Amino acid sequence: MKEMSFNQLFILQANYNRLEQALSELANIVTDQDAVLLLEDAVLAPSLDAISHAKAIFILSADAHIEHEKNLGNMKIIDYGDWAELLQLSQKVHTWQ
């Protein structure tokens, strides 16, 4: 992952009741130079098409067991060590709830 860099990292950690709204909001600001990390309920999003233009979409391995059969070309499952590296590779980090 070291060859990657991102303008912004958006950590999406919205509860399931707010998930679609949070994805819609995020879709309006995420760019093709940004990354999105899905945590907890965010992994359950029925569709990630709204943010598919992000440079990369990550799912924490601890949450991957709840991931449904979504597979975008820019999606990757990462562990906690990768998450720490991801924070270093991003110029700005935002938590979106």
Protein backbone atom coordinates (compact mmCIF):
# COMPACT_ATOMS: atom_id res chain seq x y z
CA MET A 1 0.00 0.00 0.00
CA LYS A 2 3.05 2.26 0.35
CA GLU A 3 2.90 3.35 -3.30
CA MET A 4 -0.56 4.86 -2.71
CA SER A 5 -1.40 8.28 -1.34
CA PHE A 6 -4.73 9.98 -0.80
CA ASN A 7 -5.88 13.56 -0.45
CA GLN A 8 -8.46 12.58 2.13
CA LEU A 9 -9.48 9.47 3.98
CA PHE A 10 -13.14 9.27 4.96
CA ILE A 11 -13.85 6.77 7.72
CA LEU A 12 -17.53 5.87 7.36
CA GLN A 13 -18.91 4.62 10.64
CA ALA A 14 -22.61 5.43 10.40
CA ASN A 15 -25.18 3.28 12.15
CA TYR A 16 -27.44 1.28 9.85
CA ASN A 17 -30.41 3.66 10.21
CA ARG A 18 -28.36 6.57 8.89
CA LEU A 19 -26.22 4.67 6.42
CA GLU A 20 -27.94 5.59 3.14
CA GLN A 21 -28.02 9.28 4.08
CA ALA A 22 -24.35 9.20 5.09
CA LEU A 23 -23.41 7.53 1.79
CA SER A 24 -25.37 10.12 -0.14
CA GLU A 25 -23.63 12.96 1.70
CA LEU A 26 -20.25 11.36 1.23
CA ALA A 27 -20.86 10.83 -2.48
CA ASN A 28 -21.08 14.60 -2.91
CA ILE A 29 -17.63 15.28 -1.48
CA VAL A 30 -15.44 12.23 -2.10
CA THR A 31 -13.19 12.51 -5.16
CA ASP A 32 -11.14 10.12 -7.24
CA GLN A 33 -8.12 11.14 -5.12
CA ASP A 34 -9.75 10.08 -1.83
CA ALA A 35 -10.14 6.81 0.05
CA VAL A 36 -13.05 5.50 2.11
CA LEU A 37 -12.77 3.07 5.02
CA LEU A 38 -16.01 1.26 5.92
CA LEU A 39 -16.38 0.27 9.56
CA GLU A 40 -19.01 -1.71 11.45
CA ASP A 41 -22.56 -1.10 10.08
CA ALA A 42 -21.20 0.76 7.05
CA VAL A 43 -20.10 -2.59 5.65
CA LEU A 44 -23.79 -3.50 5.38
CA ALA A 45 -24.52 -0.78 2.81
CA PRO A 46 -26.78 -2.28 0.15
CA SER A 47 -24.96 -0.36 -2.57
CA LEU A 48 -21.65 1.42 -2.73
CA ASP A 49 -22.19 2.77 -6.24
CA ALA A 50 -22.49 6.33 -4.87
CA ILE A 51 -18.87 6.26 -3.71
CA SER A 52 -17.43 3.90 -6.34
CA HIS A 53 -15.49 6.82 -7.88
CA ALA A 54 -13.23 6.99 -4.80
CA LYS A 55 -9.61 6.05 -5.48
CA ALA A 56 -9.92 3.18 -2.98
CA ILE A 57 -12.50 1.67 -0.66
CA PHE A 58 -11.29 -0.34 2.33
CA ILE A 59 -13.01 -2.70 4.75
CA LEU A 60 -11.37 -3.58 8.04
CA SER A 61 -10.75 -7.34 8.24
CA ALA A 62 -12.51 -7.45 11.62
CA ASP A 63 -15.70 -6.31 9.86
CA ALA A 64 -15.27 -8.30 6.64
CA HIS A 65 -17.36 -11.19 7.95
CA ILE A 66 -20.48 -9.01 7.68
CA GLU A 67 -19.66 -7.86 4.17
CA HIS A 68 -22.20 -8.94 1.62
CA GLU A 69 -21.16 -9.87 -1.89
CA LYS A 70 -19.98 -6.40 -2.84
CA ASN A 71 -16.85 -6.31 -4.85
CA LEU A 72 -15.72 -3.14 -6.52
CA GLY A 73 -12.44 -3.07 -8.39
CA ASN A 74 -11.08 -0.52 -5.94
CA MET A 75 -12.14 -2.38 -2.76
CA LYS A 76 -9.64 -4.04 -0.44
CA ILE A 77 -9.84 -5.75 2.95
CA ILE A 78 -7.17 -4.46 5.35
CA ASP A 79 -5.98 -5.27 8.86
CA TYR A 80 -5.21 -2.90 11.75
CA GLY A 81 -1.59 -2.45 10.64
CA ASP A 82 -2.76 -1.42 7.18
CA TRP A 83 -5.21 1.01 8.78
CA ALA A 84 -2.34 2.72 10.61
CA GLU A 85 -0.43 2.95 7.33
CA LEU A 86 -3.54 4.29 5.59
CA LEU A 87 -3.72 7.13 8.11
CA GLN A 88 -0.12 8.05 7.28
CA LEU A 89 -0.80 7.97 3.53
CA SER A 90 -3.70 10.44 3.78
CA GLN A 91 -3.27 14.19 3.94
CA LYS A 92 -6.54 14.65 5.84
CA VAL A 93 -8.71 12.20 7.77
CA HIS A 94 -12.45 12.63 8.43
CA THR A 95 -14.86 10.44 10.34
CA TRP A 96 -18.29 10.39 8.72
CA GLN A 97 -21.17 9.26 10.90
